[in-house]
Amino acid sequence: MGIIVWLIVGAIAGWLAGLIVKGAGLGLLGNIIVGIVGAVVAGWLLPRLGIVIGGGVIAEIVNAAIGGIIVLVILSLIRRA
């Protein structure tokens, strides 16, 4: 059951990140991957910056979306280079 929740949170977070970072959407599967990678990035980076959003599924989606935005910005910078 945990993997299904990860995929759903990743899909939602990747979709949100794709909406916020215009032109960087990668399709459904790409957005899921970006959301999951973004969750890992945000889980590592945000506590080191002193940012704690709280608990629950909504907080996980927000954290993963923030990480997804970071990942999409980095990917778009790499693509331009």
C-alpha atoms as a PDB file:
ATOM      1  CA  MET A   1       0.000   0.000   0.000  1.00  0.00           C
ATOM      2  CA  GLY A   2       2.908   2.374   0.702  1.00  0.00           C
ATOM      3  CA  ILE A   3       4.163   2.281  -2.897  1.00  0.00           C
ATOM      4  CA  ILE A   4       0.738   3.256  -4.198  1.00  0.00           C
ATOM      5  CA  VAL A   5       0.676   6.273  -1.876  1.00  0.00           C
ATOM      6  CA  TRP A   6       4.188   7.260  -3.032  1.00  0.00           C
ATOM      7  CA  LEU A   7       3.071   7.070  -6.662  1.00  0.00           C
ATOM      8  CA  ILE A   8      -0.043   9.142  -6.003  1.00  0.00           C
ATOM      9  CA  VAL A   9       1.860  11.774  -4.008  1.00  0.00           C
ATOM     10  CA  GLY A  10       4.591  11.794  -6.668  1.00  0.00           C
ATOM     11  CA  ALA A  11       2.058  12.195  -9.470  1.00  0.00           C
ATOM     12  CA  ILE A  12       0.281  15.072  -7.745  1.00  0.00           C
ATOM     13  CA  ALA A  13       3.533  16.796  -6.785  1.00  0.00           C
ATOM     14  CA  GLY A  14       5.014  16.345 -10.259  1.00  0.00           C
ATOM     15  CA  TRP A  15       1.841  17.681 -11.860  1.00  0.00           C
ATOM     16  CA  LEU A  16       1.900  20.737  -9.557  1.00  0.00           C
ATOM     17  CA  ALA A  17       5.589  21.321 -10.265  1.00  0.00           C
ATOM     18  CA  GLY A  18       4.918  21.020 -14.010  1.00  0.00           C
ATOM     19  CA  LEU A  19       2.178  23.661 -13.740  1.00  0.00           C
ATOM     20  CA  ILE A  20       4.372  26.045 -11.780  1.00  0.00           C
ATOM     21  CA  VAL A  21       7.475  25.633 -13.960  1.00  0.00           C
ATOM     22  CA  LYS A  22       5.941  26.336 -17.362  1.00  0.00           C
ATOM     23  CA  GLY A  23       7.257  24.350 -20.303  1.00  0.00           C
ATOM     24  CA  ALA A  24       9.069  21.788 -18.168  1.00  0.00           C
ATOM     25  CA  GLY A  25       6.355  19.144 -17.882  1.00  0.00           C
ATOM     26  CA  LEU A  26       7.519  15.648 -18.762  1.00  0.00           C
ATOM     27  CA  GLY A  27       4.240  13.790 -19.204  1.00  0.00           C
ATOM     28  CA  LEU A  28       2.493  11.592 -16.646  1.00  0.00           C
ATOM     29  CA  LEU A  29       5.319   9.107 -16.032  1.00  0.00           C
ATOM     30  CA  GLY A  30       7.932  11.859 -16.060  1.00  0.00           C
ATOM     31  CA  ASN A  31       5.880  13.906 -13.601  1.00  0.00           C
ATOM     32  CA  ILE A  32       5.594  10.928 -11.247  1.00  0.00           C
ATOM     33  CA  ILE A  33       9.351  10.450 -11.374  1.00  0.00           C
ATOM     34  CA  VAL A  34       9.966  14.180 -10.859  1.00  0.00           C
ATOM     35  CA  GLY A  35       7.561  14.157  -7.898  1.00  0.00           C
ATOM     36  CA  ILE A  36       9.287  11.190  -6.255  1.00  0.00           C
ATOM     37  CA  VAL A  37      12.769  12.586  -6.878  1.00  0.00           C
ATOM     38  CA  GLY A  38      11.495  15.962  -5.687  1.00  0.00           C
ATOM     39  CA  ALA A  39      10.227  14.378  -2.475  1.00  0.00           C
ATOM     40  CA  VAL A  40      13.679  12.948  -1.844  1.00  0.00           C
ATOM     41  CA  VAL A  41      15.352  16.282  -2.639  1.00  0.00           C
ATOM     42  CA  ALA A  42      12.946  18.230  -0.430  1.00  0.00           C
ATOM     43  CA  GLY A  43      13.216  15.651   2.353  1.00  0.00           C
ATOM     44  CA  TRP A  44      16.968  16.186   2.384  1.00  0.00           C
ATOM     45  CA  LEU A  45      17.185  19.925   1.631  1.00  0.00           C
ATOM     46  CA  LEU A  46      14.324  21.568   3.517  1.00  0.00           C
ATOM     47  CA  PRO A  47      15.252  20.379   7.036  1.00  0.00           C
ATOM     48  CA  ARG A  48      18.818  21.583   6.447  1.00  0.00           C
ATOM     49  CA  LEU A  49      17.425  25.016   5.625  1.00  0.00           C
ATOM     50  CA  GLY A  50      15.284  24.957   8.763  1.00  0.00           C
ATOM     51  CA  ILE A  51      11.979  24.693   6.868  1.00  0.00           C
ATOM     52  CA  VAL A  52       9.395  22.368   8.406  1.00  0.00           C
ATOM     53  CA  ILE A  53       5.948  22.313   6.800  1.00  0.00           C
ATOM     54  CA  GLY A  54       4.248  19.879   9.177  1.00  0.00           C
ATOM     55  CA  GLY A  55       2.858  16.395   8.864  1.00  0.00           C
ATOM     56  CA  GLY A  56       0.234  14.572   6.885  1.00  0.00           C
ATOM     57  CA  VAL A  57      -0.384  13.848   3.245  1.00  0.00           C
ATOM     58  CA  ILE A  58      -0.901  17.499   2.275  1.00  0.00           C
ATOM     59  CA  ALA A  59       2.468  18.449   3.785  1.00  0.00           C
ATOM     60  CA  GLU A  60       4.094  15.553   1.907  1.00  0.00           C
ATOM     61  CA  ILE A  61       2.574  16.789  -1.363  1.00  0.00           C
ATOM     62  CA  VAL A  62       3.752  20.357  -0.690  1.00  0.00           C
ATOM     63  CA  ASN A  63       7.256  19.148   0.207  1.00  0.00           C
ATOM     64  CA  ALA A  64       7.417  16.944  -2.888  1.00  0.00           C
ATOM     65  CA  ALA A  65       6.103  19.769  -5.083  1.00  0.00           C
ATOM     66  CA  ILE A  66       8.795  22.124  -3.763  1.00  0.00           C
ATOM     67  CA  GLY A  67      11.413  19.484  -4.489  1.00  0.00           C
ATOM     68  CA  GLY A  68       9.858  18.820  -7.897  1.00  0.00           C
ATOM     69  CA  ILE A  69      10.073  22.506  -8.752  1.00  0.00           C
ATOM     70  CA  ILE A  70      13.751  22.472  -7.790  1.00  0.00           C
ATOM     71  CA  VAL A  71      14.334  19.373  -9.942  1.00  0.00           C
ATOM     72  CA  LEU A  72      12.449  20.836 -12.942  1.00  0.00           C
ATOM     73  CA  VAL A  73      14.360  24.123 -12.749  1.00  0.00           C
ATOM     74  CA  ILE A  74      17.657  22.252 -12.663  1.00  0.00           C
ATOM     75  CA  LEU A  75      16.558  20.040 -15.585  1.00  0.00           C
ATOM     76  CA  SER A  76      15.484  23.063 -17.643  1.00  0.00           C
ATOM     77  CA  LEU A  77      18.828  24.752 -16.968  1.00  0.00           C
ATOM     78  CA  ILE A  78      20.672  21.614 -18.081  1.00  0.00           C
ATOM     79  CA  ARG A  79      18.574  21.348 -21.242  1.00  0.00           C
ATOM     80  CA  ARG A  80      19.352  24.955 -22.189  1.00  0.00           C
ATOM     81  CA  ALA A  81      23.100  24.459 -21.779  1.00  0.00           C
END
